[in-house]
Amino acid sequence: MVTTHHLDRRVVRSALALATVAPSADNTQPWRWTADSHGIHLYADRRRGQPVSDGHGRDMIVSCGVALHHLQVALAASGFTSSVRRMPNPGEPRHLATLDVRPRAANHADLGLASAILRRRSDRRRFADREVPDSLVGELVARAAAQGGQLRPVTVVEQRAHLVDAIRATPEADASDVTDVVAVNGGSAAMARRSTEGRIDQAANGDPDASVLMLLATRSDGAIAQLRAGEALSAALLCATAFGLATCSLTRPLAVGSGRGTIQTALLDGTAVLQLVLRVGWAPAGTPLAPTRRRRIDDMITWLPA
């Protein structure tokens, strides 16, 4: 591990406070951290897992991957670069990553991405009827690829309809999941959204929006691939936020049952492993979304002796 003489507890705590603003499946926030003056370690907190809807822990690890990339962004804005070792301890599968940290001057891009962390929301409303430029879609694809993920826009009408139908047909999909995809398909369901964290009341009136549906996939599966999928998702989310785009991801209908396999076979042709579905578009006018509640940062960190 690389030793640094400048990474103090205040800097680490501040960076982790930003990292833990990361979105997670059902807001479980399934991570914990250990840190000292040399580096930071990420662990999966299995006590916050969802054994019924996420029996294999995929969503938990993907969520931790989002927080891992958020942390790298936060550290960069604080004047540090980090080298990541994923799954560094074969005997401890909960130990997902170690970050070796060293000083490096922050630049404008670092500061811009860090500020996007606080502005990002999981927006489950119907998006505006305004097309997302291909250039922005391409930038999101590139950002995800740089983190080891494959972000594939579903642009063919028939494929888009197939994706929506597959999610709607999954027994595990609840009203929230269905309304999220009905919004982009112009379905006739009239579902009232519950007013919960990160959402507002809104009826689905059947009018389609102009959002883009994207499949986030990896070349293989397993813990490292799922961690990289989370990092790729984080990169895409923060880039989208910086451009002023709204986003939300869908994981629950893919966690168990046939939804993942159906979509993967039909739209990925067996060339990649589907991790989640991402919606991207322009937020509707109206009331801004409030941030979701977060755990106390000091409850997530264990400080190691120097």
C-alpha atoms as a PDB file:
ATOM      1  CA  MET A   1       0.000   0.000   0.000  1.00  0.00           C
ATOM      2  CA  VAL A   2       1.299   3.456  -0.891  1.00  0.00           C
ATOM      3  CA  THR A   3       2.005   5.653   2.091  1.00  0.00           C
ATOM      4  CA  THR A   4       0.907   9.283   2.044  1.00  0.00           C
ATOM      5  CA  HIS A   5       1.694  11.945   4.605  1.00  0.00           C
ATOM      6  CA  HIS A   6      -1.292  14.114   3.726  1.00  0.00           C
ATOM      7  CA  LEU A   7      -4.389  11.931   4.002  1.00  0.00           C
ATOM      8  CA  ASP A   8      -5.780  12.903   7.379  1.00  0.00           C
ATOM      9  CA  ARG A   9      -9.009  11.844   9.048  1.00  0.00           C
ATOM     10  CA  ARG A  10     -10.801  15.069   8.162  1.00  0.00           C
ATOM     11  CA  VAL A  11     -10.138  14.591   4.442  1.00  0.00           C
ATOM     12  CA  VAL A  12     -11.182  10.928   4.540  1.00  0.00           C
ATOM     13  CA  ARG A  13     -14.377  11.655   6.448  1.00  0.00           C
ATOM     14  CA  SER A  14     -15.306  14.457   4.046  1.00  0.00           C
ATOM     15  CA  ALA A  15     -14.685  12.267   0.984  1.00  0.00           C
ATOM     16  CA  LEU A  16     -16.655   9.364   2.459  1.00  0.00           C
ATOM     17  CA  ALA A  17     -19.535  11.699   3.293  1.00  0.00           C
ATOM     18  CA  LEU A  18     -19.766  12.464  -0.433  1.00  0.00           C
ATOM     19  CA  ALA A  19     -19.265   8.838  -1.449  1.00  0.00           C
ATOM     20  CA  THR A  20     -22.165   7.668   0.681  1.00  0.00           C
ATOM     21  CA  VAL A  21     -24.580   9.990  -1.106  1.00  0.00           C
ATOM     22  CA  ALA A  22     -24.396   7.309  -3.810  1.00  0.00           C
ATOM     23  CA  PRO A  23     -27.678   5.677  -4.840  1.00  0.00           C
ATOM     24  CA  SER A  24     -28.276   2.076  -3.797  1.00  0.00           C
ATOM     25  CA  ALA A  25     -30.934  -0.538  -4.447  1.00  0.00           C
ATOM     26  CA  ASP A  26     -33.990   0.412  -2.362  1.00  0.00           C
ATOM     27  CA  ASN A  27     -31.727   2.890  -0.520  1.00  0.00           C
ATOM     28  CA  THR A  28     -30.137   0.060   1.472  1.00  0.00           C
ATOM     29  CA  GLN A  29     -26.720   1.806   1.606  1.00  0.00           C
ATOM     30  CA  PRO A  30     -25.007  -1.586   2.015  1.00  0.00           C
ATOM     31  CA  TRP A  31     -21.448  -0.430   2.586  1.00  0.00           C
ATOM     32  CA  ARG A  32     -18.999   0.103   5.390  1.00  0.00           C
ATOM     33  CA  TRP A  33     -15.498   1.508   5.362  1.00  0.00           C
ATOM     34  CA  THR A  34     -12.244   1.203   7.256  1.00  0.00           C
ATOM     35  CA  ALA A  35      -9.553   3.826   6.909  1.00  0.00           C
ATOM     36  CA  ASP A  36      -6.195   5.008   8.191  1.00  0.00           C
ATOM     37  CA  SER A  37      -3.570   7.470   7.040  1.00  0.00           C
ATOM     38  CA  HIS A  38      -2.478   5.088   4.274  1.00  0.00           C
ATOM     39  CA  GLY A  39      -5.691   4.218   2.507  1.00  0.00           C
ATOM     40  CA  ILE A  40      -9.355   3.244   2.572  1.00  0.00           C
ATOM     41  CA  HIS A  41     -11.097  -0.142   2.437  1.00  0.00           C
ATOM     42  CA  LEU A  42     -14.628  -0.847   1.200  1.00  0.00           C
ATOM     43  CA  TYR A  43     -16.664  -3.730   2.635  1.00  0.00           C
ATOM     44  CA  ALA A  44     -20.135  -5.006   1.821  1.00  0.00           C
ATOM     45  CA  ASP A  45     -22.401  -4.731   4.858  1.00  0.00           C
ATOM     46  CA  ARG A  46     -24.414  -7.931   4.444  1.00  0.00           C
ATOM     47  CA  ARG A  47     -26.640  -6.976   7.363  1.00  0.00           C
ATOM     48  CA  ARG A  48     -28.184  -4.435   5.009  1.00  0.00           C
ATOM     49  CA  GLY A  49     -28.699  -6.917   2.197  1.00  0.00           C
ATOM     50  CA  GLN A  50     -32.058  -8.089   0.838  1.00  0.00           C
ATOM     51  CA  PRO A  51     -32.076 -11.897   0.894  1.00  0.00           C
ATOM     52  CA  VAL A  52     -35.506 -12.168  -0.763  1.00  0.00           C
ATOM     53  CA  SER A  53     -35.207  -9.731  -3.675  1.00  0.00           C
ATOM     54  CA  ASP A  54     -31.396  -9.927  -3.962  1.00  0.00           C
ATOM     55  CA  GLY A  55     -30.558 -13.440  -2.900  1.00  0.00           C
ATOM     56  CA  HIS A  56     -27.217 -13.542  -4.725  1.00  0.00           C
ATOM     57  CA  GLY A  57     -26.146 -10.105  -3.511  1.00  0.00           C
ATOM     58  CA  ARG A  58     -25.784  -8.656  -7.008  1.00  0.00           C
ATOM     59  CA  ASP A  59     -27.579  -5.391  -6.251  1.00  0.00           C
ATOM     60  CA  MET A  60     -25.599  -5.027  -3.030  1.00  0.00           C
ATOM     61  CA  ILE A  61     -22.253  -5.257  -4.820  1.00  0.00           C
ATOM     62  CA  VAL A  62     -23.362  -3.018  -7.692  1.00  0.00           C
ATOM     63  CA  SER A  63     -24.496  -0.441  -5.122  1.00  0.00           C
ATOM     64  CA  CYS A  64     -21.115  -0.652  -3.403  1.00  0.00           C
ATOM     65  CA  GLY A  65     -19.459  -0.121  -6.785  1.00  0.00           C
ATOM     66  CA  VAL A  66     -21.376   3.135  -7.205  1.00  0.00           C
ATOM     67  CA  ALA A  67     -20.125   4.312  -3.807  1.00  0.00           C
ATOM     68  CA  LEU A  68     -16.584   3.226  -4.723  1.00  0.00           C
ATOM     69  CA  HIS A  69     -16.545   5.417  -7.827  1.00  0.00           C
ATOM     70  CA  HIS A  70     -18.192   8.280  -5.939  1.00  0.00           C
ATOM     71  CA  LEU A  71     -15.334   8.041  -3.435  1.00  0.00           C
ATOM     72  CA  GLN A  72     -12.709   8.248  -6.172  1.00  0.00           C
ATOM     73  CA  VAL A  73     -14.428  11.359  -7.515  1.00  0.00           C
ATOM     74  CA  ALA A  74     -14.620  12.907  -4.036  1.00  0.00           C
ATOM     75  CA  LEU A  75     -10.950  12.178  -3.355  1.00  0.00           C
ATOM     76  CA  ALA A  76      -9.920  13.670  -6.710  1.00  0.00           C
ATOM     77  CA  ALA A  77     -11.768  16.891  -5.843  1.00  0.00           C
ATOM     78  CA  SER A  78      -9.935  16.919  -2.475  1.00  0.00           C
ATOM     79  CA  GLY A  79      -6.549  16.721  -4.158  1.00  0.00           C
ATOM     80  CA  PHE A  80      -5.892  12.968  -4.146  1.00  0.00           C
ATOM     81  CA  THR A  81      -5.723  10.251  -6.740  1.00  0.00           C
ATOM     82  CA  SER A  82      -6.498   6.672  -5.827  1.00  0.00           C
ATOM     83  CA  SER A  83      -5.406   3.297  -7.142  1.00  0.00           C
ATOM     84  CA  VAL A  84      -8.087   0.637  -6.628  1.00  0.00           C
ATOM     85  CA  ARG A  85      -7.525  -3.052  -5.935  1.00  0.00           C
ATOM     86  CA  ARG A  86     -10.820  -4.906  -6.282  1.00  0.00           C
ATOM     87  CA  MET A  87     -11.488  -8.045  -4.239  1.00  0.00           C
ATOM     88  CA  PRO A  88      -8.024  -7.781  -2.669  1.00  0.00           C
ATOM     89  CA  ASN A  89      -8.562 -10.535  -0.101  1.00  0.00           C
ATOM     90  CA  PRO A  90      -9.709 -13.883  -1.566  1.00  0.00           C
ATOM     91  CA  GLY A  91     -10.428 -15.176   1.918  1.00  0.00           C
ATOM     92  CA  GLU A  92     -12.811 -12.332   2.722  1.00  0.00           C
ATOM     93  CA  PRO A  93     -15.491 -11.863   0.026  1.00  0.00           C
ATOM     94  CA  ARG A  94     -17.003  -8.922   1.906  1.00  0.00           C
ATOM     95  CA  HIS A  95     -13.766  -6.974   1.351  1.00  0.00           C
ATOM     96  CA  LEU A  96     -14.613  -5.423  -2.005  1.00  0.00           C
ATOM     97  CA  ALA A  97     -11.846  -2.893  -2.587  1.00  0.00           C
ATOM     98  CA  THR A  98      -8.760  -1.192  -1.239  1.00  0.00           C
ATOM     99  CA  LEU A  99      -7.852   2.331  -2.325  1.00  0.00           C
ATOM    100  CA  ASP A 100      -4.212   3.374  -2.173  1.00  0.00           C
ATOM    101  CA  VAL A 101      -4.225   7.148  -2.032  1.00  0.00           C
ATOM    102  CA  ARG A 102      -1.612   9.749  -2.954  1.00  0.00           C
ATOM    103  CA  PRO A 103      -1.684  13.528  -3.493  1.00  0.00           C
ATOM    104  CA  ARG A 104      -2.556  15.003  -6.889  1.00  0.00           C
ATOM    105  CA  ALA A 105      -3.770  18.503  -7.686  1.00  0.00           C
ATOM    106  CA  ALA A 106      -7.500  18.731  -8.371  1.00  0.00           C
ATOM    107  CA  ASN A 107      -8.639  20.198 -11.683  1.00  0.00           C
ATOM    108  CA  HIS A 108     -11.858  21.810 -12.877  1.00  0.00           C
ATOM    109  CA  ALA A 109     -13.296  18.515 -14.131  1.00  0.00           C
ATOM    110  CA  ASP A 110     -12.698  16.890 -10.728  1.00  0.00           C
ATOM    111  CA  LEU A 111     -14.558  19.676  -8.958  1.00  0.00           C
ATOM    112  CA  GLY A 112     -17.420  19.562 -11.457  1.00  0.00           C
ATOM    113  CA  LEU A 113     -18.012  15.827 -11.005  1.00  0.00           C
ATOM    114  CA  ALA A 114     -17.864  16.128  -7.224  1.00  0.00           C
ATOM    115  CA  SER A 115     -20.492  18.866  -7.269  1.00  0.00           C
ATOM    116  CA  ALA A 116     -22.705  16.606  -9.412  1.00  0.00           C
ATOM    117  CA  ILE A 117     -22.773  14.068  -6.560  1.00  0.00           C
ATOM    118  CA  LEU A 118     -24.877  16.405  -4.446  1.00  0.00           C
ATOM    119  CA  ARG A 119     -27.185  17.418  -7.308  1.00  0.00           C
ATOM    120  CA  ARG A 120     -27.969  13.911  -8.562  1.00  0.00           C
ATOM    121  CA  ARG A 121     -31.371  12.431  -7.735  1.00  0.00           C
ATOM    122  CA  SER A 122     -33.071   9.151  -8.646  1.00  0.00           C
ATOM    123  CA  ASP A 123     -35.898  10.711 -10.621  1.00  0.00           C
ATOM    124  CA  ARG A 124     -38.830   8.329 -11.161  1.00  0.00           C
ATOM    125  CA  ARG A 125     -41.179  10.922 -12.625  1.00  0.00           C
ATOM    126  CA  ARG A 126     -42.273  11.060 -16.237  1.00  0.00           C
ATOM    127  CA  PHE A 127     -39.507  12.902 -18.054  1.00  0.00           C
ATOM    128  CA  ALA A 128     -40.027  15.806 -20.439  1.00  0.00           C
ATOM    129  CA  ASP A 129     -40.922  15.291 -24.106  1.00  0.00           C
ATOM    130  CA  ARG A 130     -37.519  16.506 -25.261  1.00  0.00           C
ATOM    131  CA  GLU A 131     -35.028  14.299 -27.040  1.00  0.00           C
ATOM    132  CA  VAL A 132     -31.653  13.548 -25.469  1.00  0.00           C
ATOM    133  CA  PRO A 133     -28.983  14.444 -28.071  1.00  0.00           C
ATOM    134  CA  ASP A 134     -27.006  11.528 -29.472  1.00  0.00           C
ATOM    135  CA  SER A 135     -23.807  13.310 -28.482  1.00  0.00           C
ATOM    136  CA  LEU A 136     -24.795  13.201 -24.802  1.00  0.00           C
ATOM    137  CA  VAL A 137     -25.821   9.557 -25.056  1.00  0.00           C
ATOM    138  CA  GLY A 138     -22.451   8.813 -26.615  1.00  0.00           C
ATOM    139  CA  GLU A 139     -20.658  10.589 -23.797  1.00  0.00           C
ATOM    140  CA  LEU A 140     -22.484   8.494 -21.195  1.00  0.00           C
ATOM    141  CA  VAL A 141     -21.554   5.332 -23.084  1.00  0.00           C
ATOM    142  CA  ALA A 142     -17.903   6.415 -23.123  1.00  0.00           C
ATOM    143  CA  ARG A 143     -17.860   7.262 -19.409  1.00  0.00           C
ATOM    144  CA  ALA A 144     -19.301   3.850 -18.532  1.00  0.00           C
ATOM    145  CA  ALA A 145     -16.817   2.092 -20.820  1.00  0.00           C
ATOM    146  CA  ALA A 146     -13.916   3.826 -19.093  1.00  0.00           C
ATOM    147  CA  GLN A 147     -15.016   2.096 -15.876  1.00  0.00           C
ATOM    148  CA  GLY A 148     -15.393  -1.364 -17.410  1.00  0.00           C
ATOM    149  CA  GLY A 149     -19.112  -1.283 -18.193  1.00  0.00           C
ATOM    150  CA  GLN A 150     -21.109  -1.531 -21.411  1.00  0.00           C
ATOM    151  CA  LEU A 151     -23.951   0.983 -21.634  1.00  0.00           C
ATOM    152  CA  ARG A 152     -26.148   0.105 -24.595  1.00  0.00           C
ATOM    153  CA  PRO A 153     -29.000   2.430 -25.646  1.00  0.00           C
ATOM    154  CA  VAL A 154     -32.165   0.621 -26.684  1.00  0.00           C
ATOM    155  CA  THR A 155     -33.195   2.695 -29.690  1.00  0.00           C
ATOM    156  CA  VAL A 156     -35.049   0.257 -31.945  1.00  0.00           C
ATOM    157  CA  VAL A 157     -38.781   0.629 -31.317  1.00  0.00           C
ATOM    158  CA  GLU A 158     -39.457  -3.110 -31.242  1.00  0.00           C
ATOM    159  CA  GLN A 159     -36.588  -3.747 -28.823  1.00  0.00           C
ATOM    160  CA  ARG A 160     -37.719  -0.911 -26.597  1.00  0.00           C
ATOM    161  CA  ALA A 161     -41.234  -2.351 -26.448  1.00  0.00           C
ATOM    162  CA  HIS A 162     -39.823  -5.805 -25.722  1.00  0.00           C
ATOM    163  CA  LEU A 163     -37.767  -4.409 -22.830  1.00  0.00           C
ATOM    164  CA  VAL A 164     -40.765  -2.678 -21.291  1.00  0.00           C
ATOM    165  CA  ASP A 165     -42.961  -5.742 -21.691  1.00  0.00           C
ATOM    166  CA  ALA A 166     -40.326  -7.990 -20.106  1.00  0.00           C
ATOM    167  CA  ILE A 167     -40.067  -5.775 -17.033  1.00  0.00           C
ATOM    168  CA  ARG A 168     -43.818  -5.411 -16.710  1.00  0.00           C
ATOM    169  CA  ALA A 169     -44.266  -9.182 -16.964  1.00  0.00           C
ATOM    170  CA  THR A 170     -41.825  -9.953 -14.162  1.00  0.00           C
ATOM    171  CA  PRO A 171     -43.769 -11.107 -11.092  1.00  0.00           C
ATOM    172  CA  GLU A 172     -41.352  -9.307  -8.772  1.00  0.00           C
ATOM    173  CA  ALA A 173     -41.922  -5.905 -10.421  1.00  0.00           C
ATOM    174  CA  ASP A 174     -43.949  -3.630  -8.162  1.00  0.00           C
ATOM    175  CA  ALA A 175     -46.040  -0.620  -9.131  1.00  0.00           C
ATOM    176  CA  SER A 176     -42.980   1.638  -8.974  1.00  0.00           C
ATOM    177  CA  ASP A 177     -41.026  -0.451 -11.469  1.00  0.00           C
ATOM    178  CA  VAL A 178     -43.949  -0.705 -13.867  1.00  0.00           C
ATOM    179  CA  THR A 179     -44.762   2.993 -13.776  1.00  0.00           C
ATOM    180  CA  ASP A 180     -41.113   3.816 -14.452  1.00  0.00           C
ATOM    181  CA  VAL A 181     -41.201   1.921 -17.737  1.00  0.00           C
ATOM    182  CA  VAL A 182     -44.775   2.730 -18.709  1.00  0.00           C
ATOM    183  CA  ALA A 183     -43.629   6.342 -18.821  1.00  0.00           C
ATOM    184  CA  VAL A 184     -41.304   5.608 -21.726  1.00  0.00           C
ATOM    185  CA  ASN A 185     -43.641   3.305 -23.612  1.00  0.00           C
ATOM    186  CA  GLY A 186     -46.844   5.301 -23.657  1.00  0.00           C
ATOM    187  CA  GLY A 187     -48.787   2.570 -21.888  1.00  0.00           C
ATOM    188  CA  SER A 188     -52.374   3.017 -20.833  1.00  0.00           C
ATOM    189  CA  ALA A 189     -51.981   2.160 -17.162  1.00  0.00           C
ATOM    190  CA  ALA A 190     -53.125   4.941 -14.849  1.00  0.00           C
ATOM    191  CA  MET A 191     -51.071   4.423 -11.737  1.00  0.00           C
ATOM    192  CA  ALA A 192     -50.737   7.002  -8.989  1.00  0.00           C
ATOM    193  CA  ARG A 193     -47.218   7.353  -7.698  1.00  0.00           C
ATOM    194  CA  ARG A 194     -46.756   7.154  -3.979  1.00  0.00           C
ATOM    195  CA  SER A 195     -45.042  10.186  -2.498  1.00  0.00           C
ATOM    196  CA  THR A 196     -41.807   8.715  -1.151  1.00  0.00           C
ATOM    197  CA  GLU A 197     -38.208   9.819  -0.869  1.00  0.00           C
ATOM    198  CA  GLY A 198     -36.890  10.913  -4.237  1.00  0.00           C
ATOM    199  CA  ARG A 199     -40.367  10.937  -5.783  1.00  0.00           C
ATOM    200  CA  ILE A 200     -43.399  13.172  -6.108  1.00  0.00           C
ATOM    201  CA  ASP A 201     -47.061  12.330  -6.687  1.00  0.00           C
ATOM    202  CA  GLN A 202     -47.716  11.973 -10.380  1.00  0.00           C
ATOM    203  CA  ALA A 203     -50.263  10.029 -12.378  1.00  0.00           C
ATOM    204  CA  ALA A 204     -49.119   8.045 -15.405  1.00  0.00           C
ATOM    205  CA  ASN A 205     -51.551   9.333 -18.044  1.00  0.00           C
ATOM    206  CA  GLY A 206     -50.246   7.228 -20.892  1.00  0.00           C
ATOM    207  CA  ASP A 207     -48.339   9.981 -22.711  1.00  0.00           C
ATOM    208  CA  PRO A 208     -44.801   8.834 -23.573  1.00  0.00           C
ATOM    209  CA  ASP A 209     -41.799  10.902 -22.637  1.00  0.00           C
ATOM    210  CA  ALA A 210     -38.593  11.209 -24.637  1.00  0.00           C
ATOM    211  CA  SER A 211     -36.259   9.416 -22.264  1.00  0.00           C
ATOM    212  CA  VAL A 212     -33.620   6.926 -23.363  1.00  0.00           C
ATOM    213  CA  LEU A 213     -33.576   3.374 -22.012  1.00  0.00           C
ATOM    214  CA  MET A 214     -30.079   1.929 -21.670  1.00  0.00           C
ATOM    215  CA  LEU A 215     -28.851  -1.519 -20.675  1.00  0.00           C
ATOM    216  CA  LEU A 216     -25.824  -1.594 -18.401  1.00  0.00           C
ATOM    217  CA  ALA A 217     -23.931  -4.827 -18.960  1.00  0.00           C
ATOM    218  CA  THR A 218     -20.524  -6.381 -18.326  1.00  0.00           C
ATOM    219  CA  ARG A 219     -18.511  -8.924 -20.279  1.00  0.00           C
ATOM    220  CA  SER A 220     -18.697 -11.470 -17.458  1.00  0.00           C
ATOM    221  CA  ASP A 221     -20.406 -11.886 -14.111  1.00  0.00           C
ATOM    222  CA  GLY A 222     -19.156 -12.273 -10.567  1.00  0.00           C
ATOM    223  CA  ALA A 223     -18.178  -9.867  -7.821  1.00  0.00           C
ATOM    224  CA  ILE A 224     -15.564  -7.893  -9.747  1.00  0.00           C
ATOM    225  CA  ALA A 225     -17.837  -7.489 -12.770  1.00  0.00           C
ATOM    226  CA  GLN A 226     -20.705  -6.358 -10.543  1.00  0.00           C
ATOM    227  CA  LEU A 227     -18.418  -3.913  -8.744  1.00  0.00           C
ATOM    228  CA  ARG A 228     -17.285  -2.508 -12.091  1.00  0.00           C
ATOM    229  CA  ALA A 229     -20.905  -2.232 -13.190  1.00  0.00           C
ATOM    230  CA  GLY A 230     -21.547  -0.013 -10.171  1.00  0.00           C
ATOM    231  CA  GLU A 231     -18.536   2.129 -10.998  1.00  0.00           C
ATOM    232  CA  ALA A 232     -19.731   2.441 -14.590  1.00  0.00           C
ATOM    233  CA  LEU A 233     -23.205   3.392 -13.381  1.00  0.00           C
ATOM    234  CA  SER A 234     -21.733   6.068 -11.113  1.00  0.00           C
ATOM    235  CA  ALA A 235     -19.694   7.523 -13.971  1.00  0.00           C
ATOM    236  CA  ALA A 236     -22.764   7.672 -16.214  1.00  0.00           C
ATOM    237  CA  LEU A 237     -24.988   9.157 -13.500  1.00  0.00           C
ATOM    238  CA  LEU A 238     -22.561  11.916 -12.586  1.00  0.00           C
ATOM    239  CA  CYS A 239     -21.873  12.745 -16.222  1.00  0.00           C
ATOM    240  CA  ALA A 240     -25.612  12.912 -16.921  1.00  0.00           C
ATOM    241  CA  THR A 241     -26.147  15.137 -13.894  1.00  0.00           C
ATOM    242  CA  ALA A 242     -23.363  17.456 -15.022  1.00  0.00           C
ATOM    243  CA  PHE A 243     -25.177  17.814 -18.369  1.00  0.00           C
ATOM    244  CA  GLY A 244     -28.444  18.601 -16.567  1.00  0.00           C
ATOM    245  CA  LEU A 245     -30.067  15.247 -17.351  1.00  0.00           C
ATOM    246  CA  ALA A 246     -32.335  13.291 -15.015  1.00  0.00           C
ATOM    247  CA  THR A 247     -31.751   9.594 -14.336  1.00  0.00           C
ATOM    248  CA  CYS A 248     -33.097   6.556 -12.569  1.00  0.00           C
ATOM    249  CA  SER A 249     -32.075   2.908 -12.597  1.00  0.00           C
ATOM    250  CA  LEU A 250     -34.169  -0.262 -12.484  1.00  0.00           C
ATOM    251  CA  THR A 251     -32.872  -3.342 -10.704  1.00  0.00           C
ATOM    252  CA  ARG A 252     -35.701  -5.004  -8.773  1.00  0.00           C
ATOM    253  CA  PRO A 253     -37.466  -6.707 -11.713  1.00  0.00           C
ATOM    254  CA  LEU A 254     -34.090  -8.139 -12.777  1.00  0.00           C
ATOM    255  CA  ALA A 255     -33.003  -9.463  -9.389  1.00  0.00           C
ATOM    256  CA  VAL A 256     -34.991 -12.696  -9.357  1.00  0.00           C
ATOM    257  CA  GLY A 257     -37.350 -14.498 -11.698  1.00  0.00           C
ATOM    258  CA  SER A 258     -37.120 -14.519 -15.481  1.00  0.00           C
ATOM    259  CA  GLY A 259     -36.812 -10.795 -16.239  1.00  0.00           C
ATOM    260  CA  ARG A 260     -33.019 -10.649 -16.482  1.00  0.00           C
ATOM    261  CA  GLY A 261     -32.692 -13.755 -18.629  1.00  0.00           C
ATOM    262  CA  THR A 262     -35.484 -12.703 -20.968  1.00  0.00           C
ATOM    263  CA  ILE A 263     -34.001  -9.263 -21.585  1.00  0.00           C
ATOM    264  CA  GLN A 264     -30.449 -10.554 -21.806  1.00  0.00           C
ATOM    265  CA  THR A 265     -31.330 -13.192 -24.407  1.00  0.00           C
ATOM    266  CA  ALA A 266     -33.482 -10.887 -26.530  1.00  0.00           C
ATOM    267  CA  LEU A 267     -31.391  -7.713 -26.473  1.00  0.00           C
ATOM    268  CA  LEU A 268     -27.805  -8.692 -25.699  1.00  0.00           C
ATOM    269  CA  ASP A 269     -27.591 -11.820 -27.892  1.00  0.00           C
ATOM    270  CA  GLY A 270     -25.559 -13.619 -25.248  1.00  0.00           C
ATOM    271  CA  THR A 271     -22.632 -11.238 -25.709  1.00  0.00           C
ATOM    272  CA  ALA A 272     -22.756  -9.665 -22.237  1.00  0.00           C
ATOM    273  CA  VAL A 273     -24.289 -10.014 -18.784  1.00  0.00           C
ATOM    274  CA  LEU A 274     -27.121  -7.625 -17.974  1.00  0.00           C
ATOM    275  CA  GLN A 275     -26.684  -5.783 -14.669  1.00  0.00           C
ATOM    276  CA  LEU A 276     -29.433  -3.144 -14.717  1.00  0.00           C
ATOM    277  CA  VAL A 277     -31.571  -0.821 -16.830  1.00  0.00           C
ATOM    278  CA  LEU A 278     -30.983   2.941 -16.816  1.00  0.00           C
ATOM    279  CA  ARG A 279     -33.467   5.667 -17.791  1.00  0.00           C
ATOM    280  CA  VAL A 280     -32.038   9.012 -18.912  1.00  0.00           C
ATOM    281  CA  GLY A 281     -33.938  12.125 -19.944  1.00  0.00           C
ATOM    282  CA  TRP A 282     -34.798  15.705 -19.144  1.00  0.00           C
ATOM    283  CA  ALA A 283     -36.540  16.311 -15.828  1.00  0.00           C
ATOM    284  CA  PRO A 284     -40.074  17.686 -15.960  1.00  0.00           C
ATOM    285  CA  ALA A 285     -40.752  21.214 -14.818  1.00  0.00           C
ATOM    286  CA  GLY A 286     -42.059  21.554 -11.316  1.00  0.00           C
ATOM    287  CA  THR A 287     -41.060  20.806  -7.761  1.00  0.00           C
ATOM    288  CA  PRO A 288     -37.422  19.701  -7.373  1.00  0.00           C
ATOM    289  CA  LEU A 289     -36.864  16.332  -5.788  1.00  0.00           C
ATOM    290  CA  ALA A 290     -35.612  16.225  -2.221  1.00  0.00           C
ATOM    291  CA  PRO A 291     -32.576  14.080  -1.343  1.00  0.00           C
ATOM    292  CA  THR A 292     -33.188  10.707   0.253  1.00  0.00           C
ATOM    293  CA  ARG A 293     -32.233  10.116   3.863  1.00  0.00           C
ATOM    294  CA  ARG A 294     -28.743   8.807   4.555  1.00  0.00           C
ATOM    295  CA  ARG A 295     -27.186   6.932   7.425  1.00  0.00           C
ATOM    296  CA  ARG A 296     -24.905   8.829   9.780  1.00  0.00           C
ATOM    297  CA  ILE A 297     -21.471   8.881   8.206  1.00  0.00           C
ATOM    298  CA  ASP A 298     -19.743   8.019  11.491  1.00  0.00           C
ATOM    299  CA  ASP A 299     -21.802   4.823  11.726  1.00  0.00           C
ATOM    300  CA  MET A 300     -20.217   3.599   8.474  1.00  0.00           C
ATOM    301  CA  ILE A 301     -16.524   4.178   9.216  1.00  0.00           C
ATOM    302  CA  THR A 302     -14.051   2.237  11.356  1.00  0.00           C
ATOM    303  CA  TRP A 303     -10.792   4.080  11.944  1.00  0.00           C
ATOM    304  CA  LEU A 304      -7.740   1.833  12.034  1.00  0.00           C
ATOM    305  CA  PRO A 305      -4.600   2.555  14.087  1.00  0.00           C
ATOM    306  CA  ALA A 306      -1.993   4.498  12.138  1.00  0.00           C
END
